[in-house]
Amino acid sequence: MVRGDLVVAGPYGDRHETRVMLCGCGASGNQPYCDHSGPCAEPDDEDVPEAR
């Protein structure tokens, strides 16, 4: 997750954003953005609330 006054270059030109989640593993179908399809988007065990 990146926050700030951002300009992100993509296949359809530059986009001005205030926050983005960029793909770090290369598996996203929506490059350069993360679409949660790759292994790096899997939640950490510590971040997942326990089921009761």
N, C-alpha and C. Protein backbone atom coordinates (compact mmCIF):
# COMPACT_ATOMS: atom_id res chain seq x y z
N MET A 1 0.86 -1.16 0.00
CA MET A 1 0.00 0.00 0.00
C MET A 1 0.90 1.23 0.00
N VAL A 2 0.62 2.15 -0.90
CA VAL A 2 1.36 3.40 -1.00
C VAL A 2 0.36 4.53 -0.88
N ARG A 3 0.67 5.52 -0.06
CA ARG A 3 -0.23 6.67 0.13
C ARG A 3 0.53 7.96 -0.12
N GLY A 4 -0.15 8.94 -0.66
CA GLY A 4 0.46 10.24 -0.90
C GLY A 4 -0.11 10.86 -2.16
N ASP A 5 0.54 11.88 -2.66
CA ASP A 5 0.16 12.52 -3.91
C ASP A 5 0.90 11.76 -5.01
N LEU A 6 0.25 10.80 -5.62
CA LEU A 6 0.91 9.84 -6.51
C LEU A 6 0.53 10.02 -7.97
N VAL A 7 1.47 9.72 -8.84
CA VAL A 7 1.22 9.60 -10.27
C VAL A 7 1.70 8.20 -10.63
N VAL A 8 0.76 7.34 -11.05
CA VAL A 8 1.09 5.95 -11.38
C VAL A 8 0.99 5.77 -12.89
N ALA A 9 2.09 5.33 -13.49
CA ALA A 9 2.11 5.08 -14.94
C ALA A 9 1.56 3.70 -15.21
N GLY A 10 0.61 3.62 -16.12
CA GLY A 10 0.00 2.33 -16.47
C GLY A 10 -0.14 2.21 -17.97
N PRO A 11 -0.72 1.10 -18.42
CA PRO A 11 -0.84 0.87 -19.85
C PRO A 11 -1.74 1.87 -20.57
N TYR A 12 -2.60 2.58 -19.84
CA TYR A 12 -3.51 3.55 -20.45
C TYR A 12 -3.14 4.98 -20.09
N GLY A 13 -1.90 5.19 -19.67
CA GLY A 13 -1.44 6.53 -19.32
C GLY A 13 -1.30 6.71 -17.82
N ASP A 14 -0.92 7.90 -17.43
CA ASP A 14 -0.71 8.22 -16.03
C ASP A 14 -2.03 8.40 -15.31
N ARG A 15 -2.05 7.99 -14.03
CA ARG A 15 -3.22 8.18 -13.17
C ARG A 15 -2.77 8.90 -11.91
N HIS A 16 -3.56 9.86 -11.48
CA HIS A 16 -3.30 10.56 -10.23
C HIS A 16 -4.12 9.88 -9.15
N GLU A 17 -3.45 9.45 -8.10
CA GLU A 17 -4.09 8.71 -7.01
C GLU A 17 -3.64 9.28 -5.68
N THR A 18 -4.38 8.96 -4.61
CA THR A 18 -3.93 9.30 -3.26
C THR A 18 -3.49 8.06 -2.51
N ARG A 19 -3.91 6.87 -2.94
CA ARG A 19 -3.43 5.61 -2.37
C ARG A 19 -3.61 4.50 -3.38
N VAL A 20 -2.67 3.60 -3.42
CA VAL A 20 -2.73 2.46 -4.33
C VAL A 20 -2.07 1.25 -3.67
N MET A 21 -2.47 0.07 -4.12
CA MET A 21 -1.79 -1.15 -3.74
C MET A 21 -1.14 -1.66 -5.02
N LEU A 22 0.17 -1.59 -5.07
CA LEU A 22 0.91 -2.00 -6.26
C LEU A 22 1.29 -3.47 -6.17
N CYS A 23 1.31 -4.14 -7.31
CA CYS A 23 1.66 -5.56 -7.38
C CYS A 23 3.16 -5.73 -7.19
N GLY A 24 3.53 -6.60 -6.28
CA GLY A 24 4.93 -6.87 -6.02
C GLY A 24 5.40 -8.20 -6.56
N CYS A 25 4.45 -9.07 -6.99
CA CYS A 25 4.84 -10.42 -7.40
C CYS A 25 4.72 -10.63 -8.90
N GLY A 26 4.03 -9.73 -9.62
CA GLY A 26 3.89 -9.86 -11.06
C GLY A 26 2.73 -10.72 -11.52
N ALA A 27 1.90 -11.22 -10.58
CA ALA A 27 0.80 -12.11 -10.94
C ALA A 27 -0.51 -11.38 -11.24
N SER A 28 -0.58 -10.10 -10.95
CA SER A 28 -1.82 -9.35 -11.14
C SER A 28 -2.18 -9.22 -12.61
N GLY A 29 -3.46 -9.34 -12.91
CA GLY A 29 -3.95 -9.10 -14.25
C GLY A 29 -4.24 -7.63 -14.48
N ASN A 30 -4.01 -6.81 -13.47
CA ASN A 30 -4.30 -5.38 -13.53
C ASN A 30 -3.04 -4.58 -13.20
N GLN A 31 -1.93 -4.92 -13.83
CA GLN A 31 -0.64 -4.26 -13.58
C GLN A 31 -0.74 -2.76 -13.82
N PRO A 32 -0.14 -1.93 -13.06
CA PRO A 32 0.78 -2.20 -11.95
C PRO A 32 0.07 -2.39 -10.62
N TYR A 33 -1.27 -2.46 -10.62
CA TYR A 33 -2.04 -2.58 -9.38
C TYR A 33 -2.20 -4.03 -8.96
N CYS A 34 -2.32 -4.25 -7.66
CA CYS A 34 -2.56 -5.59 -7.12
C CYS A 34 -4.05 -5.91 -7.26
N ASP A 35 -4.36 -7.11 -7.78
CA ASP A 35 -5.76 -7.56 -7.82
C ASP A 35 -5.98 -8.75 -6.88
N HIS A 36 -5.05 -8.99 -5.98
CA HIS A 36 -5.11 -10.04 -4.96
C HIS A 36 -5.12 -11.44 -5.55
N SER A 37 -4.56 -11.63 -6.74
CA SER A 37 -4.54 -12.95 -7.36
C SER A 37 -3.23 -13.69 -7.13
N GLY A 38 -2.21 -13.01 -6.64
CA GLY A 38 -0.90 -13.63 -6.47
C GLY A 38 -0.63 -14.07 -5.04
N PRO A 39 0.47 -14.76 -4.85
CA PRO A 39 0.82 -15.29 -3.52
C PRO A 39 1.14 -14.19 -2.51
N CYS A 40 1.58 -13.03 -2.95
CA CYS A 40 1.93 -11.98 -1.99
C CYS A 40 0.68 -11.33 -1.39
N ALA A 41 -0.49 -11.57 -1.93
CA ALA A 41 -1.72 -10.98 -1.41
C ALA A 41 -2.40 -11.89 -0.39
N GLU A 42 -1.82 -13.05 -0.12
CA GLU A 42 -2.39 -13.95 0.88
C GLU A 42 -2.24 -13.31 2.26
N PRO A 43 -3.27 -13.39 3.09
CA PRO A 43 -3.17 -12.79 4.43
C PRO A 43 -2.18 -13.56 5.31
N ASP A 44 -1.52 -12.84 6.19
CA ASP A 44 -0.66 -13.47 7.18
C ASP A 44 -1.54 -14.10 8.25
N ASP A 45 -1.11 -15.21 8.80
CA ASP A 45 -1.88 -15.88 9.85
C ASP A 45 -2.14 -14.97 11.04
N GLU A 46 -1.18 -14.09 11.37
CA GLU A 46 -1.33 -13.19 12.50
C GLU A 46 -2.36 -12.12 12.25
N ASP A 47 -2.67 -11.79 10.99
CA ASP A 47 -3.61 -10.72 10.67
C ASP A 47 -5.05 -11.21 10.53
N VAL A 48 -5.25 -12.52 10.49
CA VAL A 48 -6.59 -13.07 10.30
C VAL A 48 -7.22 -13.32 11.65
N PRO A 49 -8.43 -12.75 11.90
CA PRO A 49 -9.07 -13.00 13.19
C PRO A 49 -9.45 -14.47 13.35
N GLU A 50 -9.37 -14.96 14.57
CA GLU A 50 -9.72 -16.34 14.82
C GLU A 50 -11.22 -16.53 14.74
N ALA A 51 -11.65 -17.69 14.19
CA ALA A 51 -13.07 -18.03 14.14
C ALA A 51 -13.49 -18.50 15.52
N ARG A 52 -14.68 -18.10 15.93
CA ARG A 52 -15.17 -18.51 17.26
C ARG A 52 -16.31 -19.45 17.14
